[in-house]
Amino acid sequence: MKKKLKQINDYEWILPKEGKMNVDGLLIGNKAIIDGFEDDMIAQLANVAQLPGVLEPVVALSDAHFGY
């Protein structure tokens, strides 16, 4: 999943809308924090972006982790 992220600046990364996602995902953190994110957490962000009525973007902050 990390390969799908696109860096906007030093602290913002986009998970572009694809498949069933209704909106983009936005991750906040420096490169070290992004590298530490689990792929499952990024997949979870994509799942949340599929919810009906969700507003853009779905955001994951630097303390994000896998688990609902």
PDB file of N, CA and C in Angstrom:
ATOM      1  N   MET A   1       0.825  -1.206   0.000  1.00  0.00           N
ATOM      2  CA  MET A   1       0.000   0.000   0.000  1.00  0.00           C
ATOM      3  C   MET A   1       0.867   1.267   0.000  1.00  0.00           C
ATOM      4  N   LYS A   2       2.016   1.224   0.652  1.00  0.00           N
ATOM      5  CA  LYS A   2       2.855   2.422   0.734  1.00  0.00           C
ATOM      6  C   LYS A   2       3.306   2.890  -0.639  1.00  0.00           C
ATOM      7  N   LYS A   3       3.415   1.964  -1.578  1.00  0.00           N
ATOM      8  CA  LYS A   3       3.844   2.325  -2.932  1.00  0.00           C
ATOM      9  C   LYS A   3       2.817   3.206  -3.639  1.00  0.00           C
ATOM     10  N   LYS A   4       1.581   3.181  -3.164  1.00  0.00           N
ATOM     11  CA  LYS A   4       0.520   3.984  -3.773  1.00  0.00           C
ATOM     12  C   LYS A   4       0.512   5.426  -3.272  1.00  0.00           C
ATOM     13  N   LEU A   5       1.243   5.708  -2.186  1.00  0.00           N
ATOM     14  CA  LEU A   5       1.260   7.059  -1.616  1.00  0.00           C
ATOM     15  C   LEU A   5       2.033   8.020  -2.498  1.00  0.00           C
ATOM     16  N   LYS A   6       1.517   9.238  -2.603  1.00  0.00           N
ATOM     17  CA  LYS A   6       2.175  10.297  -3.366  1.00  0.00           C
ATOM     18  C   LYS A   6       2.478  11.450  -2.417  1.00  0.00           C
ATOM     19  N   GLN A   7       3.751  11.823  -2.357  1.00  0.00           N
ATOM     20  CA  GLN A   7       4.171  12.887  -1.451  1.00  0.00           C
ATOM     21  C   GLN A   7       3.780  14.247  -2.008  1.00  0.00           C
ATOM     22  N   ILE A   8       3.128  15.072  -1.170  1.00  0.00           N
ATOM     23  CA  ILE A   8       2.737  16.425  -1.553  1.00  0.00           C
ATOM     24  C   ILE A   8       3.800  17.416  -1.104  1.00  0.00           C
ATOM     25  N   ASN A   9       4.227  17.272   0.143  1.00  0.00           N
ATOM     26  CA  ASN A   9       5.301  18.099   0.694  1.00  0.00           C
ATOM     27  C   ASN A   9       5.992  17.276   1.781  1.00  0.00           C
ATOM     28  N   ASP A  10       6.798  17.904   2.626  1.00  0.00           N
ATOM     29  CA  ASP A  10       7.560  17.166   3.631  1.00  0.00           C
ATOM     30  C   ASP A  10       6.684  16.443   4.645  1.00  0.00           C
ATOM     31  N   TYR A  11       5.433  16.856   4.798  1.00  0.00           N
ATOM     32  CA  TYR A  11       4.581  16.311   5.860  1.00  0.00           C
ATOM     33  C   TYR A  11       3.211  15.821   5.405  1.00  0.00           C
ATOM     34  N   GLU A  12       2.923  15.862   4.124  1.00  0.00           N
ATOM     35  CA  GLU A  12       1.616  15.415   3.631  1.00  0.00           C
ATOM     36  C   GLU A  12       1.798  14.417   2.494  1.00  0.00           C
ATOM     37  N   TRP A  13       1.027  13.337   2.574  1.00  0.00           N
ATOM     38  CA  TRP A  13       1.062  12.262   1.594  1.00  0.00           C
ATOM     39  C   TRP A  13      -0.369  11.913   1.220  1.00  0.00           C
ATOM     40  N   ILE A  14      -0.619  11.712  -0.056  1.00  0.00           N
ATOM     41  CA  ILE A  14      -1.964  11.382  -0.552  1.00  0.00           C
ATOM     42  C   ILE A  14      -2.032   9.903  -0.928  1.00  0.00           C
ATOM     43  N   LEU A  15      -3.116   9.268  -0.522  1.00  0.00           N
ATOM     44  CA  LEU A  15      -3.481   7.953  -1.026  1.00  0.00           C
ATOM     45  C   LEU A  15      -4.595   8.220  -2.037  1.00  0.00           C
ATOM     46  N   PRO A  16      -4.261   8.200  -3.335  1.00  0.00           N
ATOM     47  CA  PRO A  16      -5.257   8.575  -4.351  1.00  0.00           C
ATOM     48  C   PRO A  16      -6.469   7.644  -4.366  1.00  0.00           C
ATOM     49  N   LYS A  17      -7.597   8.242  -4.657  1.00  0.00           N
ATOM     50  CA  LYS A  17      -8.858   7.500  -4.765  1.00  0.00           C
ATOM     51  C   LYS A  17      -8.731   6.460  -5.870  1.00  0.00           C
ATOM     52  N   GLU A  18      -9.111   5.221  -5.551  1.00  0.00           N
ATOM     53  CA  GLU A  18      -9.120   4.150  -6.553  1.00  0.00           C
ATOM     54  C   GLU A  18     -10.125   3.092  -6.129  1.00  0.00           C
ATOM     55  N   GLY A  19     -10.528   2.291  -7.051  1.00  0.00           N
ATOM     56  CA  GLY A  19     -11.474   1.222  -6.741  1.00  0.00           C
ATOM     57  C   GLY A  19     -12.757   1.760  -6.141  1.00  0.00           C
ATOM     58  N   LYS A  20     -13.133   1.244  -4.981  1.00  0.00           N
ATOM     59  CA  LYS A  20     -14.382   1.629  -4.327  1.00  0.00           C
ATOM     60  C   LYS A  20     -14.241   2.851  -3.426  1.00  0.00           C
ATOM     61  N   MET A  21     -13.042   3.433  -3.357  1.00  0.00           N
ATOM     62  CA  MET A  21     -12.845   4.618  -2.516  1.00  0.00           C
ATOM     63  C   MET A  21     -13.665   5.787  -3.069  1.00  0.00           C
ATOM     64  N   ASN A  22     -14.355   6.495  -2.199  1.00  0.00           N
ATOM     65  CA  ASN A  22     -15.144   7.663  -2.608  1.00  0.00           C
ATOM     66  C   ASN A  22     -14.319   8.950  -2.586  1.00  0.00           C
ATOM     67  N   VAL A  23     -13.272   8.960  -1.782  1.00  0.00           N
ATOM     68  CA  VAL A  23     -12.434  10.150  -1.628  1.00  0.00           C
ATOM     69  C   VAL A  23     -10.974   9.725  -1.480  1.00  0.00           C
ATOM     70  N   ASP A  24     -10.057  10.696  -1.572  1.00  0.00           N
ATOM     71  CA  ASP A  24      -8.638  10.450  -1.318  1.00  0.00           C
ATOM     72  C   ASP A  24      -8.396  10.271   0.168  1.00  0.00           C
ATOM     73  N   GLY A  25      -7.263   9.667   0.483  1.00  0.00           N
ATOM     74  CA  GLY A  25      -6.777   9.613   1.855  1.00  0.00           C
ATOM     75  C   GLY A  25      -5.629  10.591   1.997  1.00  0.00           C
ATOM     76  N   LEU A  26      -5.468  11.178   3.154  1.00  0.00           N
ATOM     77  CA  LEU A  26      -4.373  12.105   3.437  1.00  0.00           C
ATOM     78  C   LEU A  26      -3.673  11.628   4.699  1.00  0.00           C
ATOM     79  N   LEU A  27      -2.371  11.426   4.604  1.00  0.00           N
ATOM     80  CA  LEU A  27      -1.568  11.026   5.757  1.00  0.00           C
ATOM     81  C   LEU A  27      -0.667  12.185   6.131  1.00  0.00           C
ATOM     82  N   ILE A  28      -0.572  12.456   7.424  1.00  0.00           N
ATOM     83  CA  ILE A  28       0.233  13.551   7.932  1.00  0.00           C
ATOM     84  C   ILE A  28       1.407  12.978   8.712  1.00  0.00           C
ATOM     85  N   GLY A  29       2.621  13.363   8.345  1.00  0.00           N
ATOM     86  CA  GLY A  29       3.813  12.918   9.062  1.00  0.00           C
ATOM     87  C   GLY A  29       5.042  13.057   8.199  1.00  0.00           C
ATOM     88  N   ASN A  30       6.204  13.064   8.839  1.00  0.00           N
ATOM     89  CA  ASN A  30       7.434  13.120   8.049  1.00  0.00           C
ATOM     90  C   ASN A  30       7.733  11.731   7.480  1.00  0.00           C
ATOM     91  N   LYS A  31       8.798  11.626   6.690  1.00  0.00           N
ATOM     92  CA  LYS A  31       9.104  10.361   6.012  1.00  0.00           C
ATOM     93  C   LYS A  31       9.301   9.213   7.006  1.00  0.00           C
ATOM     94  N   ALA A  32       9.963   9.479   8.127  1.00  0.00           N
ATOM     95  CA  ALA A  32      10.197   8.429   9.115  1.00  0.00           C
ATOM     96  C   ALA A  32       8.880   7.900   9.676  1.00  0.00           C
ATOM     97  N   ILE A  33       7.933   8.784   9.912  1.00  0.00           N
ATOM     98  CA  ILE A  33       6.622   8.365  10.429  1.00  0.00           C
ATOM     99  C   ILE A  33       5.873   7.577   9.370  1.00  0.00           C
ATOM    100  N   ILE A  34       5.860   8.051   8.155  1.00  0.00           N
ATOM    101  CA  ILE A  34       5.169   7.343   7.068  1.00  0.00           C
ATOM    102  C   ILE A  34       5.779   5.959   6.868  1.00  0.00           C
ATOM    103  N   ASP A  35       7.113   5.869   6.905  1.00  0.00           N
ATOM    104  CA  ASP A  35       7.787   4.572   6.755  1.00  0.00           C
ATOM    105  C   ASP A  35       7.394   3.614   7.873  1.00  0.00           C
ATOM    106  N   GLY A  36       7.069   4.141   9.044  1.00  0.00           N
ATOM    107  CA  GLY A  36       6.681   3.308  10.176  1.00  0.00           C
ATOM    108  C   GLY A  36       5.236   2.843  10.162  1.00  0.00           C
ATOM    109  N   PHE A  37       4.413   3.445   9.313  1.00  0.00           N
ATOM    110  CA  PHE A  37       3.014   3.025   9.224  1.00  0.00           C
ATOM    111  C   PHE A  37       2.925   1.599   8.684  1.00  0.00           C
ATOM    112  N   GLU A  38       2.028   0.816   9.254  1.00  0.00           N
ATOM    113  CA  GLU A  38       1.774  -0.535   8.772  1.00  0.00           C
ATOM    114  C   GLU A  38       0.943  -0.463   7.491  1.00  0.00           C
ATOM    115  N   ASP A  39       1.186  -1.398   6.577  1.00  0.00           N
ATOM    116  CA  ASP A  39       0.364  -1.452   5.366  1.00  0.00           C
ATOM    117  C   ASP A  39      -1.103  -1.671   5.712  1.00  0.00           C
ATOM    118  N   ASP A  40      -1.368  -2.429   6.790  1.00  0.00           N
ATOM    119  CA  ASP A  40      -2.753  -2.655   7.209  1.00  0.00           C
ATOM    120  C   ASP A  40      -3.434  -1.349   7.616  1.00  0.00           C
ATOM    121  N   MET A  41      -2.691  -0.433   8.212  1.00  0.00           N
ATOM    122  CA  MET A  41      -3.269   0.857   8.601  1.00  0.00           C
ATOM    123  C   MET A  41      -3.636   1.668   7.355  1.00  0.00           C
ATOM    124  N   ILE A  42      -2.787   1.619   6.346  1.00  0.00           N
ATOM    125  CA  ILE A  42      -3.077   2.344   5.110  1.00  0.00           C
ATOM    126  C   ILE A  42      -4.277   1.708   4.407  1.00  0.00           C
ATOM    127  N   ALA A  43      -4.369   0.385   4.439  1.00  0.00           N
ATOM    128  CA  ALA A  43      -5.530  -0.305   3.868  1.00  0.00           C
ATOM    129  C   ALA A  43      -6.794   0.074   4.644  1.00  0.00           C
ATOM    130  N   GLN A  44      -6.674   0.232   5.956  1.00  0.00           N
ATOM    131  CA  GLN A  44      -7.810   0.662   6.769  1.00  0.00           C
ATOM    132  C   GLN A  44      -8.256   2.062   6.367  1.00  0.00           C
ATOM    133  N   LEU A  45      -7.306   2.948   6.086  1.00  0.00           N
ATOM    134  CA  LEU A  45      -7.635   4.297   5.622  1.00  0.00           C
ATOM    135  C   LEU A  45      -8.417   4.218   4.309  1.00  0.00           C
ATOM    136  N   ALA A  46      -7.992   3.331   3.414  1.00  0.00           N
ATOM    137  CA  ALA A  46      -8.711   3.127   2.144  1.00  0.00           C
ATOM    138  C   ALA A  46     -10.118   2.606   2.401  1.00  0.00           C
ATOM    139  N   ASN A  47     -10.287   1.730   3.397  1.00  0.00           N
ATOM    140  CA  ASN A  47     -11.620   1.214   3.741  1.00  0.00           C
ATOM    141  C   ASN A  47     -12.526   2.331   4.246  1.00  0.00           C
ATOM    142  N   VAL A  48     -11.994   3.199   5.087  1.00  0.00           N
ATOM    143  CA  VAL A  48     -12.792   4.318   5.608  1.00  0.00           C
ATOM    144  C   VAL A  48     -13.195   5.242   4.463  1.00  0.00           C
ATOM    145  N   ALA A  49     -12.325   5.402   3.476  1.00  0.00           N
ATOM    146  CA  ALA A  49     -12.621   6.261   2.324  1.00  0.00           C
ATOM    147  C   ALA A  49     -13.745   5.693   1.457  1.00  0.00           C
ATOM    148  N   GLN A  50     -14.159   4.458   1.720  1.00  0.00           N
ATOM    149  CA  GLN A  50     -15.257   3.840   0.968  1.00  0.00           C
ATOM    150  C   GLN A  50     -16.621   4.052   1.620  1.00  0.00           C
ATOM    151  N   LEU A  51     -16.638   4.568   2.834  1.00  0.00           N
ATOM    152  CA  LEU A  51     -17.901   4.723   3.534  1.00  0.00           C
ATOM    153  C   LEU A  51     -18.820   5.725   2.833  1.00  0.00           C
ATOM    154  N   PRO A  52     -20.113   5.458   2.812  1.00  0.00           N
ATOM    155  CA  PRO A  52     -21.032   6.403   2.186  1.00  0.00           C
ATOM    156  C   PRO A  52     -21.078   7.710   2.971  1.00  0.00           C
ATOM    157  N   GLY A  53     -21.119   8.811   2.267  1.00  0.00           N
ATOM    158  CA  GLY A  53     -21.244  10.120   2.887  1.00  0.00           C
ATOM    159  C   GLY A  53     -19.957  10.702   3.429  1.00  0.00           C
ATOM    160  N   VAL A  54     -18.832  10.004   3.236  1.00  0.00           N
ATOM    161  CA  VAL A  54     -17.559  10.497   3.742  1.00  0.00           C
ATOM    162  C   VAL A  54     -17.139  11.738   2.959  1.00  0.00           C
ATOM    163  N   LEU A  55     -16.520  12.690   3.670  1.00  0.00           N
ATOM    164  CA  LEU A  55     -16.054  13.925   3.034  1.00  0.00           C
ATOM    165  C   LEU A  55     -14.552  13.850   2.798  1.00  0.00           C
ATOM    166  N   GLU A  56     -14.109  14.515   1.760  1.00  0.00           N
ATOM    167  CA  GLU A  56     -12.694  14.478   1.371  1.00  0.00           C
ATOM    168  C   GLU A  56     -11.882  15.492   2.142  1.00  0.00           C
ATOM    169  N   PRO A  57     -10.699  15.130   2.512  1.00  0.00           N
ATOM    170  CA  PRO A  57     -10.112  13.797   2.476  1.00  0.00           C
ATOM    171  C   PRO A  57     -10.316  13.074   3.800  1.00  0.00           C
ATOM    172  N   VAL A  58     -10.127  11.764   3.786  1.00  0.00           N
ATOM    173  CA  VAL A  58     -10.047  10.988   5.019  1.00  0.00           C
ATOM    174  C   VAL A  58      -8.611  11.159   5.500  1.00  0.00           C
ATOM    175  N   VAL A  59      -8.422  11.524   6.767  1.00  0.00           N
ATOM    176  CA  VAL A  59      -7.097  11.895   7.271  1.00  0.00           C
ATOM    177  C   VAL A  59      -6.594  10.898   8.309  1.00  0.00           C
ATOM    178  N   ALA A  60      -5.315  10.545   8.191  1.00  0.00           N
ATOM    179  CA  ALA A  60      -4.618   9.765   9.211  1.00  0.00           C
ATOM    180  C   ALA A  60      -3.494  10.638   9.747  1.00  0.00           C
ATOM    181  N   LEU A  61      -3.491  10.847  11.054  1.00  0.00           N
ATOM    182  CA  LEU A  61      -2.447  11.650  11.686  1.00  0.00           C
ATOM    183  C   LEU A  61      -1.261  10.767  12.065  1.00  0.00           C
ATOM    184  N   SER A  62      -0.219  11.383  12.550  1.00  0.00           N
ATOM    185  CA  SER A  62       1.034  10.679  12.801  1.00  0.00           C
ATOM    186  C   SER A  62       0.932   9.566  13.844  1.00  0.00           C
ATOM    187  N   ASP A  63      -0.105   9.556  14.677  1.00  0.00           N
ATOM    188  CA  ASP A  63      -0.254   8.496  15.671  1.00  0.00           C
ATOM    189  C   ASP A  63      -1.216   7.390  15.221  1.00  0.00           C
ATOM    190  N   ALA A  64      -1.552   7.349  13.935  1.00  0.00           N
ATOM    191  CA  ALA A  64      -2.483   6.356  13.410  1.00  0.00           C
ATOM    192  C   ALA A  64      -1.905   4.945  13.570  1.00  0.00           C
ATOM    193  N   HIS A  65      -2.806   3.970  13.754  1.00  0.00           N
ATOM    194  CA  HIS A  65      -2.394   2.576  13.879  1.00  0.00           C
ATOM    195  C   HIS A  65      -3.529   1.694  13.387  1.00  0.00           C
ATOM    196  N   PHE A  66      -3.218   0.452  13.107  1.00  0.00           N
ATOM    197  CA  PHE A  66      -4.219  -0.481  12.627  1.00  0.00           C
ATOM    198  C   PHE A  66      -5.124  -0.894  13.774  1.00  0.00           C
ATOM    199  N   GLY A  67      -6.388  -1.034  13.475  1.00  0.00           N
ATOM    200  CA  GLY A  67      -7.379  -1.490  14.442  1.00  0.00           C
ATOM    201  C   GLY A  67      -8.574  -0.564  14.439  1.00  0.00           C
ATOM    202  N   TYR A  68      -9.755  -1.134  14.471  1.00  0.00           N
ATOM    203  CA  TYR A  68     -10.974  -0.344  14.431  1.00  0.00           C
ATOM    204  C   TYR A  68     -11.467  -0.043  15.813  1.00  0.00           C
TER     205      TYR A  68
END
